[in-house]
Amino acid sequence: DVTLDPETAHPNLILSNDGKEVRHGDIKHELPDYPERFNYSASVLGKEGFLKTKWDVGVARESINRKGQITVTPPNGNEYWACDDPAVPLSLSLKPQKVGVFVDYEEGLVSFYDVES
């Protein structure tokens, strides 16, 4: 159960009251410029995080540059990969508009799915 962190959210992002959903808005809101806040890329981090064995859950690395432009590279995101040894790039015919994340901590499984399909 991931809750999004409003202190990291780009000013164009609108978080739901419960912090479970985010959407991109047309207006850039005036928000405090916390060091954690993204100011260039429309991004937000989850409040919670955890590691188990060799995987972690996230859309972007916590260490990603939040001030200024983000270079789109596999370490920063914007590509789809199946984590195997070696990693396998995935080709999607349609990029999902809403991505769901299911974490089974006990089994060590993370699943991403297209919410609208």
C-alpha atoms as a PDB file:
ATOM      1  CA  ASP A   1       0.000   0.000   0.000  1.00  0.00           C
ATOM      2  CA  VAL A   2       1.957   3.008  -1.290  1.00  0.00           C
ATOM      3  CA  THR A   3       1.107   6.578  -0.355  1.00  0.00           C
ATOM      4  CA  LEU A   4       2.562   9.338  -2.518  1.00  0.00           C
ATOM      5  CA  ASP A   5       4.649  12.030  -0.819  1.00  0.00           C
ATOM      6  CA  PRO A   6       3.190  15.500  -1.543  1.00  0.00           C
ATOM      7  CA  GLU A   7       6.472  17.176  -0.524  1.00  0.00           C
ATOM      8  CA  THR A   8       8.197  15.562  -3.530  1.00  0.00           C
ATOM      9  CA  ALA A   9       5.422  16.205  -6.085  1.00  0.00           C
ATOM     10  CA  HIS A  10       6.089  18.481  -9.059  1.00  0.00           C
ATOM     11  CA  PRO A  11       3.839  21.588  -8.893  1.00  0.00           C
ATOM     12  CA  ASN A  12       1.829  20.459 -11.960  1.00  0.00           C
ATOM     13  CA  LEU A  13       0.829  17.194 -10.308  1.00  0.00           C
ATOM     14  CA  ILE A  14      -2.426  16.799  -8.424  1.00  0.00           C
ATOM     15  CA  LEU A  15      -2.482  14.147  -5.714  1.00  0.00           C
ATOM     16  CA  SER A  16      -5.704  12.642  -4.406  1.00  0.00           C
ATOM     17  CA  ASN A  17      -6.576  13.409  -0.777  1.00  0.00           C
ATOM     18  CA  ASP A  18      -5.549   9.906   0.282  1.00  0.00           C
ATOM     19  CA  GLY A  19      -2.261  10.110  -1.675  1.00  0.00           C
ATOM     20  CA  LYS A  20      -3.049   6.974  -3.683  1.00  0.00           C
ATOM     21  CA  GLU A  21      -3.525   8.576  -7.108  1.00  0.00           C
ATOM     22  CA  VAL A  22      -1.825  11.300  -9.112  1.00  0.00           C
ATOM     23  CA  ARG A  23      -2.727  13.118 -12.301  1.00  0.00           C
ATOM     24  CA  HIS A  24      -1.122  15.880 -14.335  1.00  0.00           C
ATOM     25  CA  GLY A  25      -2.892  19.225 -14.139  1.00  0.00           C
ATOM     26  CA  ASP A  26      -2.800  22.244 -16.443  1.00  0.00           C
ATOM     27  CA  ILE A  27      -1.834  24.737 -13.734  1.00  0.00           C
ATOM     28  CA  LYS A  28       1.513  24.964 -11.947  1.00  0.00           C
ATOM     29  CA  HIS A  29       0.637  25.378  -8.262  1.00  0.00           C
ATOM     30  CA  GLU A  30       2.636  27.633  -5.947  1.00  0.00           C
ATOM     31  CA  LEU A  31       4.152  25.202  -3.456  1.00  0.00           C
ATOM     32  CA  PRO A  32       7.051  25.395  -0.997  1.00  0.00           C
ATOM     33  CA  ASP A  33      10.341  24.581  -2.767  1.00  0.00           C
ATOM     34  CA  TYR A  34      11.361  21.679  -0.546  1.00  0.00           C
ATOM     35  CA  PRO A  35      14.733  20.115  -1.441  1.00  0.00           C
ATOM     36  CA  GLU A  36      12.824  16.862  -2.054  1.00  0.00           C
ATOM     37  CA  ARG A  37      10.438  18.441  -4.593  1.00  0.00           C
ATOM     38  CA  PHE A  38      10.844  17.812  -8.326  1.00  0.00           C
ATOM     39  CA  ASN A  39      10.880  21.137 -10.190  1.00  0.00           C
ATOM     40  CA  TYR A  40      11.435  20.114 -13.834  1.00  0.00           C
ATOM     41  CA  SER A  41      10.164  16.586 -14.338  1.00  0.00           C
ATOM     42  CA  ALA A  42       6.522  15.811 -13.516  1.00  0.00           C
ATOM     43  CA  SER A  43       7.425  13.227 -10.872  1.00  0.00           C
ATOM     44  CA  VAL A  44       6.504  12.204  -7.340  1.00  0.00           C
ATOM     45  CA  LEU A  45       7.916   9.644  -4.908  1.00  0.00           C
ATOM     46  CA  GLY A  46       6.142   7.315  -2.534  1.00  0.00           C
ATOM     47  CA  LYS A  47       6.422   7.954   1.209  1.00  0.00           C
ATOM     48  CA  GLU A  48       7.295   4.349   1.901  1.00  0.00           C
ATOM     49  CA  GLY A  49      10.106   2.297   0.465  1.00  0.00           C
ATOM     50  CA  PHE A  50      11.732  -1.007   1.229  1.00  0.00           C
ATOM     51  CA  LEU A  51      14.261  -3.456  -0.135  1.00  0.00           C
ATOM     52  CA  LYS A  52      14.244  -7.229  -0.091  1.00  0.00           C
ATOM     53  CA  THR A  53      16.959  -9.309  -1.697  1.00  0.00           C
ATOM     54  CA  LYS A  54      17.829  -7.742  -5.050  1.00  0.00           C
ATOM     55  CA  TRP A  55      14.731  -5.755  -6.018  1.00  0.00           C
ATOM     56  CA  ASP A  56      13.226  -2.440  -5.115  1.00  0.00           C
ATOM     57  CA  VAL A  57       9.930  -0.808  -6.025  1.00  0.00           C
ATOM     58  CA  GLY A  58       9.683   2.591  -7.589  1.00  0.00           C
ATOM     59  CA  VAL A  59       9.086   4.663 -10.635  1.00  0.00           C
ATOM     60  CA  ALA A  60      12.304   6.648 -10.229  1.00  0.00           C
ATOM     61  CA  ARG A  61      15.374   6.313  -8.057  1.00  0.00           C
ATOM     62  CA  GLU A  62      15.293   8.309  -4.831  1.00  0.00           C
ATOM     63  CA  SER A  63      18.691   9.767  -5.805  1.00  0.00           C
ATOM     64  CA  ILE A  64      17.390  11.131  -9.124  1.00  0.00           C
ATOM     65  CA  ASN A  65      18.073  14.825  -9.731  1.00  0.00           C
ATOM     66  CA  ARG A  66      14.959  16.724  -8.676  1.00  0.00           C
ATOM     67  CA  LYS A  67      16.166  20.157  -9.750  1.00  0.00           C
ATOM     68  CA  GLY A  68      16.551  20.606 -13.476  1.00  0.00           C
ATOM     69  CA  GLN A  69      16.146  18.270 -16.420  1.00  0.00           C
ATOM     70  CA  ILE A  70      16.217  14.492 -15.969  1.00  0.00           C
ATOM     71  CA  THR A  71      18.122  12.568 -18.585  1.00  0.00           C
ATOM     72  CA  VAL A  72      16.007   9.680 -19.850  1.00  0.00           C
ATOM     73  CA  THR A  73      18.170   6.602 -19.396  1.00  0.00           C
ATOM     74  CA  PRO A  74      17.436   3.084 -18.176  1.00  0.00           C
ATOM     75  CA  PRO A  75      18.712   3.955 -14.660  1.00  0.00           C
ATOM     76  CA  ASN A  76      16.335   6.949 -14.534  1.00  0.00           C
ATOM     77  CA  GLY A  77      13.283   5.233 -16.039  1.00  0.00           C
ATOM     78  CA  ASN A  78      11.109   5.705 -19.139  1.00  0.00           C
ATOM     79  CA  GLU A  79      11.865   2.219 -20.443  1.00  0.00           C
ATOM     80  CA  TYR A  80      10.292  -1.154 -19.754  1.00  0.00           C
ATOM     81  CA  TRP A  81      12.467  -4.081 -18.654  1.00  0.00           C
ATOM     82  CA  ALA A  82      11.905  -7.510 -17.163  1.00  0.00           C
ATOM     83  CA  CYS A  83      14.405  -7.963 -14.371  1.00  0.00           C
ATOM     84  CA  ASP A  84      16.190 -11.185 -15.145  1.00  0.00           C
ATOM     85  CA  ASP A  85      19.813 -12.163 -15.586  1.00  0.00           C
ATOM     86  CA  PRO A  86      20.442 -10.621 -18.049  1.00  0.00           C
ATOM     87  CA  ALA A  87      17.681  -7.981 -18.063  1.00  0.00           C
ATOM     88  CA  VAL A  88      15.203  -8.265 -20.938  1.00  0.00           C
ATOM     89  CA  PRO A  89      13.894  -5.106 -22.675  1.00  0.00           C
ATOM     90  CA  LEU A  90      10.115  -5.159 -23.220  1.00  0.00           C
ATOM     91  CA  SER A  91       8.398  -3.749 -26.299  1.00  0.00           C
ATOM     92  CA  LEU A  92       4.875  -2.542 -25.590  1.00  0.00           C
ATOM     93  CA  SER A  93       2.486  -1.890 -28.475  1.00  0.00           C
ATOM     94  CA  LEU A  94       0.549   0.554 -26.277  1.00  0.00           C
ATOM     95  CA  LYS A  95       2.070   2.430 -23.376  1.00  0.00           C
ATOM     96  CA  PRO A  96      -0.198   2.184 -20.327  1.00  0.00           C
ATOM     97  CA  GLN A  97      -1.864   5.385 -19.132  1.00  0.00           C
ATOM     98  CA  LYS A  98      -2.443   4.029 -15.619  1.00  0.00           C
ATOM     99  CA  VAL A  99       0.030   1.568 -14.151  1.00  0.00           C
ATOM    100  CA  GLY A 100      -0.924  -0.537 -11.159  1.00  0.00           C
ATOM    101  CA  VAL A 101       1.701  -2.009  -8.856  1.00  0.00           C
ATOM    102  CA  PHE A 102       1.113  -5.176  -6.856  1.00  0.00           C
ATOM    103  CA  VAL A 103       3.706  -6.133  -4.238  1.00  0.00           C
ATOM    104  CA  ASP A 104       3.728  -9.531  -2.547  1.00  0.00           C
ATOM    105  CA  TYR A 105       6.447  -8.904   0.014  1.00  0.00           C
ATOM    106  CA  GLU A 106       6.346 -12.408   1.484  1.00  0.00           C
ATOM    107  CA  GLU A 107       6.804 -14.068  -1.927  1.00  0.00           C
ATOM    108  CA  GLY A 108       9.290 -11.455  -3.144  1.00  0.00           C
ATOM    109  CA  LEU A 109       7.164 -10.613  -6.185  1.00  0.00           C
ATOM    110  CA  VAL A 110       6.415  -7.265  -7.781  1.00  0.00           C
ATOM    111  CA  SER A 111       3.894  -7.029 -10.624  1.00  0.00           C
ATOM    112  CA  PHE A 112       3.108  -4.030 -12.804  1.00  0.00           C
ATOM    113  CA  TYR A 113      -0.081  -4.020 -14.833  1.00  0.00           C
ATOM    114  CA  ASP A 114      -2.167  -1.808 -17.098  1.00  0.00           C
ATOM    115  CA  VAL A 115      -5.096  -0.710 -14.923  1.00  0.00           C
ATOM    116  CA  GLU A 116      -7.294   0.030 -17.946  1.00  0.00           C
ATOM    117  CA  SER A 117      -6.928  -3.322 -19.725  1.00  0.00           C
END
